[in-house]
Amino acid sequence: MNVFVDNLAACVYGLSCGGIMIDQSLLNPFGVPREDELPHAAHALKNWTEYCYFLGFDPKVGTGITIHIGREPTDTRIWRGTLGIFVPGGEELLVAKYFRA
């Protein structure tokens, strides 16, 4: 079944859909519950952490981006983010790191 989506995240979570055609089965092929995709309550286990990693690449121009956001294992109140931008030829243009409690 195809749905018309303008905001993929909204459609994944059952909110408004309208914009591009996409097969609904591609949005969540493994049937992961919505609550498992959101940040979890911190665990008391030593060195426990969680993170999200996003990667985008345009092969036509050879440019890419990576975003990594994760909890600091020594203090789970702190989320750290790293942004990387890559240009044609494999050269790393920018890497920025940010920490926030």
Foldseek 3Di string as FASTA:
>chain_A
DWFAADDLVCVLVPHDGHHHIDDPCVSCVPPDDPVVVDDDDDDPDQQDKDKDKDKDADPVFGKIKIKIWMAGRVDRVKIKMWIWIAGPPGDTDDIDIDIDD
